[in-house]
Every structure is written in structure tokens, then in C-alpha cells.
Amino acid sequence: QVQVVESGGGLVQPGGSLRLSCTTSGIIFNIYDMGWYRQAPGKQRELVASITQGGSTNYADSMKGRFTISRDNAKKMVYLQMNSLKPEDTAIYYCNANVLNKKYDYWGQGTQVTVSS
């Protein structure tokens, strides 16, 4: 059974930092592309950052320079370091694992990030 589980969300003040973690099981992690998405209230889910099986990264424009995605294949985990957080970063953050052009596509339940003073 495939499991994708996010952790590390919470309440943080503007300008603060958080590190999200995503642990997986039931997949051959090192062949999967991994991504972080987010969904704010009333908005569509959007890509935050992604990292390929080979380690290439991609970021949404508004996250470049503030967020860093990384992966640890030995631990089957992916991380999202978020710095200089803004109130507009408030959302539920989801971890995604996919392979073979998303023929196999798995999502976690999400973790809430709230940026507020």
C-alpha cells in the first residue's frame, strides 16, 4: 500500500521559516518525481516546487529564491524549506509522487501552513 505523508506545517509569522517533510512508503522512491503543491482557500491547487528522480528542480516564480526542495533517496523523503514566508503563502501544502508521466500518481493528505502575525 502506497503512503505519502506530509508533516511540518504550522503557524509562523511573516518573514519566518518552516521546513516541510514528506515521507513515503510502498513505492520505489528513487524512480519517482516528487513535488510540493499548495491550495489556498477558494483557489486552485498550484505547483510550488518539483524535483525529478535525477535531482533537477523546478519552482513556481513566486517561490524562487525563498523555497528549496530537496530529496533523500535513502530515507525516501522529500523536503521543502520555506524562508521569508508571506501571508499569501498560507495554504494546505501537499506532497506528490509520480512516475511514468503520472501513470502512477500519489498524493498526501496535506499539511496546513498559516503565515500570520
Protein backbone atom coordinates (compact mmCIF):
# COMPACT_ATOMS: atom_id res chain seq x y z
CA GLN A 1 0.00 0.00 0.00
CA VAL A 2 1.34 3.39 -1.01
CA GLN A 3 1.51 6.08 1.62
CA VAL A 4 2.52 9.71 1.25
CA VAL A 5 2.53 11.68 4.50
CA GLU A 6 3.36 15.35 4.99
CA SER A 7 4.48 16.96 8.22
CA GLY A 8 5.99 20.19 9.47
CA GLY A 9 3.20 22.65 8.85
CA GLY A 10 2.06 25.17 11.40
CA LEU A 11 1.64 28.82 12.27
CA VAL A 12 4.53 31.16 11.53
CA GLN A 13 4.95 34.92 11.49
CA PRO A 14 5.63 36.79 8.26
CA GLY A 15 9.30 36.59 7.41
CA GLY A 16 9.68 33.31 9.26
CA SER A 17 10.67 29.86 8.05
CA LEU A 18 9.25 26.36 8.03
CA ARG A 19 10.53 23.05 6.77
CA LEU A 20 8.01 20.61 5.42
CA SER A 21 8.77 16.91 5.20
CA CYS A 22 7.15 14.20 3.15
CA THR A 23 7.72 10.56 3.89
CA THR A 24 6.73 7.80 1.52
CA SER A 25 6.28 4.06 1.64
CA GLY A 26 5.19 1.42 -0.80
CA ILE A 27 6.97 2.95 -3.79
CA ILE A 28 10.39 2.66 -5.35
CA PHE A 29 11.15 6.18 -4.26
CA ASN A 30 14.26 6.84 -6.31
CA ILE A 31 12.44 6.45 -9.63
CA TYR A 32 9.65 8.87 -8.72
CA ASP A 33 9.48 12.54 -9.47
CA MET A 34 8.37 14.41 -6.37
CA GLY A 35 6.56 17.68 -5.94
CA TRP A 36 5.03 20.07 -3.48
CA TYR A 37 1.73 21.74 -4.32
CA ARG A 38 -0.45 24.06 -2.36
CA GLN A 39 -4.07 25.09 -2.26
CA ALA A 40 -5.32 28.24 -0.62
CA PRO A 41 -8.99 28.74 0.27
CA GLY A 42 -11.03 29.47 -2.83
CA LYS A 43 -8.11 28.85 -5.16
CA GLN A 44 -6.96 26.01 -7.35
CA ARG A 45 -4.13 23.75 -6.35
CA GLU A 46 -0.84 25.03 -7.73
CA LEU A 47 2.67 23.75 -8.11
CA VAL A 48 5.15 25.04 -5.55
CA ALA A 49 8.25 23.07 -6.49
CA SER A 50 9.24 19.78 -8.00
CA ILE A 51 12.30 17.58 -8.11
CA THR A 52 12.93 14.83 -10.62
CA GLN A 53 14.34 11.41 -9.88
CA GLY A 54 17.64 12.79 -11.12
CA GLY A 55 17.54 15.79 -8.80
CA SER A 56 16.56 18.54 -11.23
CA THR A 57 14.39 21.15 -9.59
CA ASN A 58 11.66 23.49 -10.75
CA TYR A 59 9.96 26.28 -8.84
CA ALA A 60 6.93 28.45 -9.31
CA ASP A 61 8.05 32.00 -9.97
CA SER A 62 6.74 33.38 -6.69
CA MET A 63 8.73 30.80 -4.72
CA LYS A 64 12.08 31.18 -6.45
CA GLY A 65 14.75 32.30 -4.06
CA ARG A 66 12.60 31.66 -0.99
CA PHE A 67 11.79 27.94 -1.16
CA THR A 68 14.11 25.00 -1.65
CA ILE A 69 13.04 21.46 -2.48
CA SER A 70 15.33 18.53 -1.77
CA ARG A 71 15.12 14.78 -1.53
CA ASP A 72 16.82 11.99 0.39
CA ASN A 73 16.52 8.78 -1.57
CA ALA A 74 17.91 6.68 1.26
CA LYS A 75 15.19 7.90 3.61
CA LYS A 76 12.53 8.03 0.88
CA MET A 77 11.73 11.58 1.85
CA VAL A 78 11.36 14.95 0.20
CA TYR A 79 11.62 18.31 1.93
CA LEU A 80 10.52 21.86 1.31
CA GLN A 81 12.47 24.57 3.09
CA MET A 82 10.40 27.74 3.10
CA ASN A 83 12.02 31.04 4.05
CA SER A 84 10.80 34.63 4.06
CA LEU A 85 7.24 33.45 4.35
CA LYS A 86 4.42 35.79 3.44
CA PRO A 87 0.74 35.78 4.39
CA GLU A 88 -0.08 34.80 0.82
CA ASP A 89 1.85 31.57 1.36
CA THR A 90 -0.94 30.44 3.67
CA ALA A 91 -2.36 27.22 2.23
CA ILE A 92 -2.57 23.50 2.60
CA TYR A 93 0.64 22.01 1.22
CA TYR A 94 0.50 18.66 -0.49
CA CYS A 95 3.22 16.22 -1.41
CA ASN A 96 3.02 14.39 -4.72
CA ALA A 97 4.85 11.36 -6.05
CA ASN A 98 4.54 10.42 -9.69
CA VAL A 99 6.22 8.31 -12.32
CA LEU A 100 5.71 7.26 -15.94
CA ASN A 101 4.05 10.53 -16.94
CA LYS A 102 1.82 10.31 -13.91
CA LYS A 103 0.53 6.86 -14.74
CA TYR A 104 1.26 6.30 -11.09
CA ASP A 105 0.35 9.45 -9.17
CA TYR A 106 0.05 9.62 -5.40
CA TRP A 107 -0.90 12.43 -3.03
CA GLY A 108 -0.65 13.02 0.65
CA GLN A 109 -3.41 14.43 2.83
CA GLY A 110 -1.73 17.80 3.16
CA THR A 111 -0.33 19.92 5.94
CA GLN A 112 -1.61 23.37 6.86
CA VAL A 113 0.76 26.32 6.70
CA THR A 114 -0.51 29.60 8.12
CA VAL A 115 1.54 32.78 7.89
CA SER A 116 0.14 35.42 10.16
CA SER A 117 1.16 37.88 12.82
